[in-house]
Amino acid sequence: MEKEPLTINGIEKLKEELIFLKEKKRPEIVAAIAEARSHGDLKENAEYHAAKEQQSHNEGRIEEINDVIARANVIDITKIKNDGKVVFGSTVFLKNLDTNEKIHYKIVGKDEADLKKKLLYFKSPIGKGLIGKNKNDLVEISTPAGVKNFEIKDVKYI
């Protein structure tokens, strides 16, 4: 069983989602199934089949979250001495050498990743290209959109 690295924020969000799915979503689905059953013939009851499918998705996600939490290796980046190295959980400030754009990413786990929020999956091409590099390094990363060139301006453990 492979450990799954997570930030403190990531594990908290998963726990919140789990509580929501178990305590709010599950009872709503059970009520929808009961309501649909009361309408009679289940073979031709679209509401019943939709509710059962929704139940299946919900229970699958609950199982998935339980599995991730069980395998979690929670990393508190604030307790690690910052030596300027890009590690899981660090926030990396970059300069795109091709466009001169300044950007930053926090390196996170799969369930936390969200590019719109600048949360970058550590196994993504850019994440893999940054892990292990140091402040002031020049990095060339092959991505599906082509080769990207960055300069690591700063690394913070926040």
N, C-alpha and C. Protein backbone atom coordinates (compact mmCIF):
# COMPACT_ATOMS: atom_id res chain seq x y z
N MET A 1 0.85 -1.17 0.00
CA MET A 1 0.00 0.00 0.00
C MET A 1 0.90 1.24 0.00
N GLU A 2 0.80 2.02 -1.07
CA GLU A 2 1.64 3.19 -1.24
C GLU A 2 1.08 4.38 -0.46
N LYS A 3 1.95 5.05 0.29
CA LYS A 3 1.54 6.23 1.05
C LYS A 3 1.20 7.36 0.08
N GLU A 4 0.23 8.17 0.44
CA GLU A 4 -0.22 9.30 -0.38
C GLU A 4 0.15 10.59 0.36
N PRO A 5 1.10 11.38 -0.19
CA PRO A 5 1.44 12.62 0.50
C PRO A 5 0.30 13.64 0.41
N LEU A 6 0.03 14.28 1.53
CA LEU A 6 -1.01 15.31 1.60
C LEU A 6 -0.52 16.44 2.49
N THR A 7 -0.96 17.64 2.17
CA THR A 7 -0.69 18.77 3.06
C THR A 7 -1.73 18.73 4.18
N ILE A 8 -1.51 19.51 5.21
CA ILE A 8 -2.48 19.60 6.31
C ILE A 8 -3.82 20.11 5.78
N ASN A 9 -3.76 21.12 4.91
CA ASN A 9 -4.97 21.67 4.31
C ASN A 9 -5.69 20.61 3.48
N GLY A 10 -4.93 19.80 2.76
CA GLY A 10 -5.51 18.76 1.92
C GLY A 10 -6.26 17.71 2.71
N ILE A 11 -5.69 17.26 3.82
CA ILE A 11 -6.36 16.23 4.63
C ILE A 11 -7.61 16.80 5.29
N GLU A 12 -7.56 18.07 5.68
CA GLU A 12 -8.73 18.71 6.30
C GLU A 12 -9.88 18.81 5.29
N LYS A 13 -9.56 19.19 4.04
CA LYS A 13 -10.60 19.29 3.01
C LYS A 13 -11.21 17.92 2.71
N LEU A 14 -10.38 16.88 2.68
CA LEU A 14 -10.92 15.53 2.45
C LEU A 14 -11.84 15.11 3.59
N LYS A 15 -11.45 15.41 4.82
CA LYS A 15 -12.29 15.05 5.97
C LYS A 15 -13.63 15.80 5.92
N GLU A 16 -13.59 17.09 5.52
CA GLU A 16 -14.83 17.86 5.39
C GLU A 16 -15.73 17.27 4.30
N GLU A 17 -15.13 16.90 3.17
CA GLU A 17 -15.91 16.29 2.09
C GLU A 17 -16.53 14.97 2.55
N LEU A 18 -15.77 14.18 3.29
CA LEU A 18 -16.26 12.90 3.79
C LEU A 18 -17.46 13.09 4.71
N ILE A 19 -17.37 14.05 5.60
CA ILE A 19 -18.49 14.35 6.51
C ILE A 19 -19.71 14.78 5.71
N PHE A 20 -19.51 15.66 4.71
CA PHE A 20 -20.61 16.11 3.87
C PHE A 20 -21.28 14.94 3.15
N LEU A 21 -20.46 14.08 2.55
CA LEU A 21 -21.01 12.95 1.79
C LEU A 21 -21.77 11.97 2.68
N LYS A 22 -21.24 11.73 3.88
CA LYS A 22 -21.88 10.77 4.78
C LYS A 22 -23.11 11.35 5.48
N GLU A 23 -23.00 12.58 5.97
CA GLU A 23 -24.05 13.13 6.83
C GLU A 23 -25.12 13.93 6.09
N LYS A 24 -24.80 14.45 4.92
CA LYS A 24 -25.78 15.25 4.19
C LYS A 24 -26.22 14.56 2.90
N LYS A 25 -25.26 14.22 2.07
CA LYS A 25 -25.57 13.67 0.75
C LYS A 25 -26.22 12.29 0.84
N ARG A 26 -25.64 11.41 1.67
CA ARG A 26 -26.17 10.05 1.80
C ARG A 26 -27.64 10.04 2.22
N PRO A 27 -28.04 10.79 3.28
CA PRO A 27 -29.46 10.79 3.66
C PRO A 27 -30.37 11.37 2.56
N GLU A 28 -29.88 12.37 1.81
CA GLU A 28 -30.68 12.92 0.71
C GLU A 28 -30.94 11.86 -0.35
N ILE A 29 -29.92 11.08 -0.66
CA ILE A 29 -30.06 10.04 -1.68
C ILE A 29 -31.00 8.94 -1.20
N VAL A 30 -30.87 8.55 0.06
CA VAL A 30 -31.75 7.52 0.63
C VAL A 30 -33.21 7.99 0.57
N ALA A 31 -33.43 9.27 0.87
CA ALA A 31 -34.79 9.82 0.80
C ALA A 31 -35.30 9.83 -0.64
N ALA A 32 -34.42 10.16 -1.59
CA ALA A 32 -34.82 10.17 -3.01
C ALA A 32 -35.17 8.76 -3.48
N ILE A 33 -34.43 7.76 -3.03
CA ILE A 33 -34.72 6.37 -3.40
C ILE A 33 -36.07 5.95 -2.81
N ALA A 34 -36.30 6.30 -1.56
CA ALA A 34 -37.57 5.95 -0.91
C ALA A 34 -38.74 6.62 -1.63
N GLU A 35 -38.56 7.87 -2.01
CA GLU A 35 -39.61 8.61 -2.73
C GLU A 35 -39.89 7.95 -4.08
N ALA A 36 -38.81 7.60 -4.79
CA ALA A 36 -38.97 6.97 -6.11
C ALA A 36 -39.62 5.59 -5.99
N ARG A 37 -39.30 4.85 -4.94
CA ARG A 37 -39.90 3.53 -4.73
C ARG A 37 -41.41 3.63 -4.52
N SER A 38 -41.81 4.71 -3.88
CA SER A 38 -43.23 4.87 -3.57
C SER A 38 -44.07 5.12 -4.84
N HIS A 39 -43.38 5.40 -5.96
CA HIS A 39 -44.09 5.66 -7.22
C HIS A 39 -44.46 4.38 -7.96
N GLY A 40 -44.07 3.23 -7.41
CA GLY A 40 -44.50 1.98 -8.03
C GLY A 40 -43.42 1.25 -8.79
N ASP A 41 -43.77 0.71 -9.97
CA ASP A 41 -42.93 -0.15 -10.79
C ASP A 41 -41.50 0.38 -10.93
N LEU A 42 -40.54 -0.40 -10.41
CA LEU A 42 -39.15 0.05 -10.41
C LEU A 42 -38.46 -0.13 -11.76
N LYS A 43 -38.98 -1.05 -12.58
CA LYS A 43 -38.32 -1.29 -13.88
C LYS A 43 -38.36 -0.07 -14.78
N GLU A 44 -39.43 0.67 -14.74
CA GLU A 44 -39.59 1.83 -15.63
C GLU A 44 -39.57 3.14 -14.85
N ASN A 45 -38.93 3.13 -13.70
CA ASN A 45 -38.91 4.32 -12.84
C ASN A 45 -37.55 5.02 -12.98
N ALA A 46 -37.49 6.04 -13.82
CA ALA A 46 -36.23 6.75 -14.09
C ALA A 46 -35.69 7.43 -12.84
N GLU A 47 -36.57 7.95 -12.00
CA GLU A 47 -36.12 8.62 -10.77
C GLU A 47 -35.40 7.63 -9.86
N TYR A 48 -35.93 6.44 -9.77
CA TYR A 48 -35.32 5.40 -8.93
C TYR A 48 -33.92 5.04 -9.45
N HIS A 49 -33.83 4.81 -10.76
CA HIS A 49 -32.53 4.44 -11.35
C HIS A 49 -31.51 5.57 -11.22
N ALA A 50 -31.95 6.80 -11.38
CA ALA A 50 -31.05 7.96 -11.23
C ALA A 50 -30.56 8.07 -9.79
N ALA A 51 -31.46 7.86 -8.84
CA ALA A 51 -31.09 7.94 -7.43
C ALA A 51 -30.13 6.82 -7.05
N LYS A 52 -30.37 5.62 -7.58
CA LYS A 52 -29.47 4.49 -7.30
C LYS A 52 -28.08 4.75 -7.90
N GLU A 53 -28.03 5.34 -9.08
CA GLU A 53 -26.74 5.67 -9.70
C GLU A 53 -26.01 6.73 -8.87
N GLN A 54 -26.76 7.72 -8.42
CA GLN A 54 -26.18 8.76 -7.57
C GLN A 54 -25.65 8.15 -6.27
N GLN A 55 -26.37 7.19 -5.72
CA GLN A 55 -25.93 6.50 -4.52
C GLN A 55 -24.62 5.76 -4.77
N SER A 56 -24.52 5.12 -5.90
CA SER A 56 -23.31 4.38 -6.27
C SER A 56 -22.11 5.33 -6.37
N HIS A 57 -22.29 6.47 -7.01
CA HIS A 57 -21.20 7.45 -7.13
C HIS A 57 -20.79 7.99 -5.76
N ASN A 58 -21.78 8.28 -4.93
CA ASN A 58 -21.51 8.82 -3.59
C ASN A 58 -20.73 7.81 -2.75
N GLU A 59 -21.19 6.55 -2.75
CA GLU A 59 -20.52 5.52 -1.95
C GLU A 59 -19.11 5.26 -2.48
N GLY A 60 -18.94 5.33 -3.79
CA GLY A 60 -17.61 5.16 -4.38
C GLY A 60 -16.66 6.25 -3.95
N ARG A 61 -17.15 7.49 -3.92
CA ARG A 61 -16.30 8.61 -3.49
C ARG A 61 -15.97 8.49 -2.00
N ILE A 62 -16.92 8.06 -1.19
CA ILE A 62 -16.67 7.85 0.25
C ILE A 62 -15.56 6.81 0.42
N GLU A 63 -15.66 5.73 -0.33
CA GLU A 63 -14.65 4.68 -0.26
C GLU A 63 -13.27 5.22 -0.70
N GLU A 64 -13.27 5.99 -1.76
CA GLU A 64 -12.02 6.57 -2.27
C GLU A 64 -11.37 7.50 -1.24
N ILE A 65 -12.17 8.36 -0.62
CA ILE A 65 -11.64 9.28 0.40
C ILE A 65 -11.12 8.51 1.60
N ASN A 66 -11.87 7.50 2.06
CA ASN A 66 -11.41 6.68 3.18
C ASN A 66 -10.06 6.03 2.87
N ASP A 67 -9.89 5.56 1.64
CA ASP A 67 -8.64 4.94 1.22
C ASP A 67 -7.49 5.95 1.24
N VAL A 68 -7.72 7.14 0.70
CA VAL A 68 -6.67 8.18 0.69
C VAL A 68 -6.29 8.57 2.11
N ILE A 69 -7.28 8.75 2.97
CA ILE A 69 -7.00 9.12 4.37
C ILE A 69 -6.21 8.01 5.07
N ALA A 70 -6.57 6.75 4.80
CA ALA A 70 -5.87 5.62 5.42
C ALA A 70 -4.41 5.56 4.99
N ARG A 71 -4.13 5.96 3.75
CA ARG A 71 -2.76 5.91 3.23
C ARG A 71 -2.03 7.25 3.35
N ALA A 72 -2.65 8.23 3.98
CA ALA A 72 -2.11 9.59 4.01
C ALA A 72 -0.78 9.68 4.75
N ASN A 73 0.12 10.40 4.14
CA ASN A 73 1.38 10.79 4.77
C ASN A 73 1.31 12.31 4.84
N VAL A 74 0.79 12.83 5.96
CA VAL A 74 0.56 14.26 6.09
C VAL A 74 1.88 14.98 6.33
N ILE A 75 2.15 15.95 5.46
CA ILE A 75 3.41 16.70 5.53
C ILE A 75 3.11 18.13 5.94
N ASP A 76 3.67 18.53 7.07
CA ASP A 76 3.54 19.91 7.55
C ASP A 76 4.79 20.65 7.12
N ILE A 77 4.69 21.36 6.00
CA ILE A 77 5.84 22.03 5.40
C ILE A 77 6.43 23.10 6.32
N THR A 78 5.61 23.66 7.21
CA THR A 78 6.11 24.72 8.09
C THR A 78 7.10 24.19 9.12
N LYS A 79 7.15 22.87 9.31
CA LYS A 79 8.06 22.29 10.31
C LYS A 79 9.37 21.81 9.68
N ILE A 80 9.52 22.04 8.38
CA ILE A 80 10.74 21.64 7.68
C ILE A 80 11.64 22.85 7.51
N LYS A 81 12.94 22.67 7.74
CA LYS A 81 13.89 23.77 7.59
C LYS A 81 14.00 24.12 6.11
N ASN A 82 13.79 25.38 5.79
CA ASN A 82 13.83 25.83 4.40
C ASN A 82 15.27 26.03 3.95
N ASP A 83 15.72 25.17 3.05
CA ASP A 83 17.06 25.29 2.50
C ASP A 83 17.03 25.72 1.03
N GLY A 84 15.85 26.23 0.60
CA GLY A 84 15.71 26.71 -0.77
C GLY A 84 15.40 25.62 -1.78
N LYS A 85 15.18 24.41 -1.31
CA LYS A 85 14.90 23.29 -2.21
C LYS A 85 13.39 23.14 -2.39
N VAL A 86 12.97 22.83 -3.62
CA VAL A 86 11.55 22.60 -3.92
C VAL A 86 11.20 21.19 -3.45
N VAL A 87 10.27 21.11 -2.50
CA VAL A 87 9.80 19.83 -1.96
C VAL A 87 8.28 19.84 -1.95
N PHE A 88 7.70 18.67 -1.69
CA PHE A 88 6.25 18.57 -1.58
C PHE A 88 5.76 19.56 -0.53
N GLY A 89 4.75 20.35 -0.88
CA GLY A 89 4.16 21.30 0.06
C GLY A 89 4.75 22.69 -0.04
N SER A 90 5.89 22.84 -0.71
CA SER A 90 6.50 24.17 -0.80
C SER A 90 5.78 25.03 -1.83
N THR A 91 5.92 26.33 -1.69
CA THR A 91 5.39 27.29 -2.65
C THR A 91 6.57 27.81 -3.45
N VAL A 92 6.47 27.69 -4.77
CA VAL A 92 7.58 28.02 -5.66
C VAL A 92 7.21 29.25 -6.48
N PHE A 93 8.07 30.25 -6.43
CA PHE A 93 7.88 31.48 -7.20
C PHE A 93 8.78 31.40 -8.42
N LEU A 94 8.16 31.49 -9.59
CA LEU A 94 8.86 31.27 -10.85
C LEU A 94 8.78 32.48 -11.76
N LYS A 95 9.75 32.55 -12.67
CA LYS A 95 9.69 33.50 -13.77
C LYS A 95 9.75 32.65 -15.03
N ASN A 96 8.72 32.77 -15.86
CA ASN A 96 8.71 32.06 -17.14
C ASN A 96 9.67 32.81 -18.06
N LEU A 97 10.76 32.18 -18.43
CA LEU A 97 11.79 32.83 -19.22
C LEU A 97 11.36 33.07 -20.67
N ASP A 98 10.31 32.38 -21.12
CA ASP A 98 9.83 32.56 -22.48
C ASP A 98 8.90 33.78 -22.59
N THR A 99 8.15 34.05 -21.52
CA THR A 99 7.16 35.14 -21.57
C THR A 99 7.42 36.24 -20.54
N ASN A 100 8.41 36.07 -19.67
CA ASN A 100 8.72 36.98 -18.56
C ASN A 100 7.59 37.06 -17.53
N GLU A 101 6.63 36.17 -17.62
CA GLU A 101 5.51 36.13 -16.66
C GLU A 101 6.01 35.58 -15.33
N LYS A 102 5.56 36.20 -14.24
CA LYS A 102 5.87 35.70 -12.89
C LYS A 102 4.66 34.93 -12.40
N ILE A 103 4.93 33.77 -11.84
CA ILE A 103 3.86 32.89 -11.39
C ILE A 103 4.34 32.12 -10.16
N HIS A 104 3.41 31.65 -9.36
CA HIS A 104 3.79 30.81 -8.22
C HIS A 104 2.83 29.62 -8.13
N TYR A 105 3.35 28.53 -7.61
CA TYR A 105 2.57 27.31 -7.40
C TYR A 105 2.91 26.73 -6.05
N LYS A 106 1.90 26.11 -5.44
CA LYS A 106 2.14 25.29 -4.26
C LYS A 106 2.10 23.84 -4.74
N ILE A 107 3.11 23.06 -4.38
CA ILE A 107 3.22 21.67 -4.81
C ILE A 107 2.39 20.81 -3.85
N VAL A 108 1.35 20.15 -4.38
CA VAL A 108 0.39 19.43 -3.54
C VAL A 108 0.09 18.04 -4.09
N GLY A 109 -0.78 17.31 -3.39
CA GLY A 109 -1.20 15.98 -3.79
C GLY A 109 -2.33 16.01 -4.81
N LYS A 110 -2.70 14.83 -5.28
CA LYS A 110 -3.69 14.67 -6.35
C LYS A 110 -5.04 15.29 -6.00
N ASP A 111 -5.54 15.03 -4.81
CA ASP A 111 -6.88 15.50 -4.44
C ASP A 111 -6.95 17.00 -4.18
N GLU A 112 -5.80 17.63 -3.98
CA GLU A 112 -5.77 19.07 -3.73
C GLU A 112 -5.53 19.89 -5.00
N ALA A 113 -4.93 19.27 -6.00
CA ALA A 113 -4.48 19.99 -7.19
C ALA A 113 -5.62 20.77 -7.84
N ASP A 114 -5.33 22.04 -8.16
CA ASP A 114 -6.29 22.93 -8.82
C ASP A 114 -5.50 24.09 -9.42
N LEU A 115 -5.28 24.04 -10.72
CA LEU A 115 -4.45 25.06 -11.37
C LEU A 115 -5.01 26.46 -11.20
N LYS A 116 -6.34 26.59 -11.16
CA LYS A 116 -6.94 27.92 -10.99
C LYS A 116 -6.55 28.54 -9.65
N LYS A 117 -6.29 27.69 -8.66
CA LYS A 117 -5.89 28.16 -7.33
C LYS A 117 -4.38 28.08 -7.15
N LYS A 118 -3.65 27.81 -8.23
CA LYS A 118 -2.18 27.70 -8.22
C LYS A 118 -1.70 26.53 -7.36
N LEU A 119 -2.49 25.47 -7.30
CA LEU A 119 -2.14 24.25 -6.58
C LEU A 119 -1.75 23.20 -7.61
N LEU A 120 -0.49 22.84 -7.65
CA LEU A 120 0.08 22.00 -8.70
C LEU A 120 0.36 20.59 -8.19
N TYR A 121 -0.15 19.59 -8.90
CA TYR A 121 0.04 18.18 -8.54
C TYR A 121 1.53 17.84 -8.68
N PHE A 122 2.09 17.23 -7.65
CA PHE A 122 3.53 16.96 -7.63
C PHE A 122 3.97 15.96 -8.70
N LYS A 123 3.04 15.18 -9.24
CA LYS A 123 3.39 14.22 -10.31
C LYS A 123 3.09 14.76 -11.71
N SER A 124 2.62 16.02 -11.79
CA SER A 124 2.38 16.63 -13.11
C SER A 124 3.74 16.93 -13.74
N PRO A 125 3.79 17.16 -15.05
CA PRO A 125 5.09 17.46 -15.67
C PRO A 125 5.84 18.62 -15.01
N ILE A 126 5.15 19.70 -14.73
CA ILE A 126 5.82 20.85 -14.10
C ILE A 126 6.19 20.51 -12.66
N GLY A 127 5.29 19.85 -11.94
CA GLY A 127 5.59 19.45 -10.57
C GLY A 127 6.82 18.56 -10.50
N LYS A 128 6.88 17.54 -11.36
CA LYS A 128 8.04 16.64 -11.38
C LYS A 128 9.31 17.40 -11.77
N GLY A 129 9.17 18.37 -12.68
CA GLY A 129 10.33 19.14 -13.12
C GLY A 129 10.88 20.07 -12.06
N LEU A 130 10.01 20.48 -11.11
CA LEU A 130 10.43 21.42 -10.07
C LEU A 130 10.96 20.72 -8.81
N ILE A 131 10.38 19.58 -8.45
CA ILE A 131 10.78 18.87 -7.23
C ILE A 131 12.28 18.58 -7.26
N GLY A 132 12.94 18.95 -6.17
CA GLY A 132 14.37 18.68 -6.05
C GLY A 132 15.26 19.82 -6.54
N LYS A 133 14.67 20.78 -7.25
CA LYS A 133 15.45 21.92 -7.73
C LYS A 133 15.59 22.94 -6.59
N ASN A 134 16.47 23.92 -6.80
CA ASN A 134 16.76 24.91 -5.76
C ASN A 134 16.47 26.32 -6.24
N LYS A 135 16.38 27.22 -5.27
CA LYS A 135 16.20 28.64 -5.56
C LYS A 135 17.33 29.09 -6.50
N ASN A 136 16.98 29.90 -7.48
CA ASN A 136 17.87 30.45 -8.51
C ASN A 136 18.23 29.46 -9.61
N ASP A 137 17.74 28.23 -9.57
CA ASP A 137 17.99 27.27 -10.65
C ASP A 137 17.21 27.67 -11.90
N LEU A 138 17.79 27.36 -13.06
CA LEU A 138 17.08 27.48 -14.33
C LEU A 138 16.58 26.09 -14.66
N VAL A 139 15.29 25.98 -15.02
CA VAL A 139 14.67 24.69 -15.22
C VAL A 139 14.00 24.64 -16.60
N GLU A 140 14.25 23.56 -17.32
CA GLU A 140 13.60 23.32 -18.61
C GLU A 140 12.68 22.12 -18.42
N ILE A 141 11.38 22.32 -18.67
CA ILE A 141 10.40 21.27 -18.40
C ILE A 141 9.60 20.97 -19.67
N SER A 142 9.55 19.70 -20.04
CA SER A 142 8.73 19.27 -21.18
C SER A 142 7.30 19.05 -20.70
N THR A 143 6.37 19.75 -21.32
CA THR A 143 4.95 19.61 -20.99
C THR A 143 4.21 19.22 -22.26
N PRO A 144 2.96 18.78 -22.14
CA PRO A 144 2.19 18.47 -23.35
C PRO A 144 2.06 19.68 -24.29
N ALA A 145 2.13 20.89 -23.73
CA ALA A 145 2.02 22.11 -24.55
C ALA A 145 3.38 22.55 -25.10
N GLY A 146 4.42 21.80 -24.83
CA GLY A 146 5.75 22.15 -25.32
C GLY A 146 6.73 22.36 -24.17
N VAL A 147 7.95 22.75 -24.53
CA VAL A 147 8.99 22.96 -23.52
C VAL A 147 8.81 24.32 -22.86
N LYS A 148 8.89 24.35 -21.54
CA LYS A 148 8.77 25.60 -20.76
C LYS A 148 10.10 25.82 -20.03
N ASN A 149 10.53 27.06 -19.98
CA ASN A 149 11.77 27.44 -19.30
C ASN A 149 11.44 28.37 -18.15
N PHE A 150 11.90 28.00 -16.95
CA PHE A 150 11.63 28.79 -15.76
C PHE A 150 12.91 29.09 -15.00
N GLU A 151 12.86 30.18 -14.26
CA GLU A 151 13.87 30.46 -13.26
C GLU A 151 13.17 30.43 -11.92
N ILE A 152 13.72 29.66 -10.98
CA ILE A 152 13.12 29.58 -9.65
C ILE A 152 13.58 30.80 -8.87
N LYS A 153 12.66 31.74 -8.62
CA LYS A 153 13.00 32.99 -7.94
C LYS A 153 13.04 32.82 -6.42
N ASP A 154 12.12 32.02 -5.91
CA ASP A 154 12.06 31.84 -4.46
C ASP A 154 11.32 30.55 -4.15
N VAL A 155 11.61 29.99 -2.99
CA VAL A 155 10.93 28.80 -2.49
C VAL A 155 10.56 29.08 -1.04
N LYS A 156 9.27 29.01 -0.75
CA LYS A 156 8.82 29.27 0.62
C LYS A 156 8.12 28.04 1.17
N TYR A 157 8.32 27.80 2.43
CA TYR A 157 7.68 26.70 3.13
C TYR A 157 6.57 27.27 4.00
N ILE A 158 5.45 27.58 3.35
CA ILE A 158 4.32 28.21 4.06
C ILE A 158 3.07 27.37 3.97
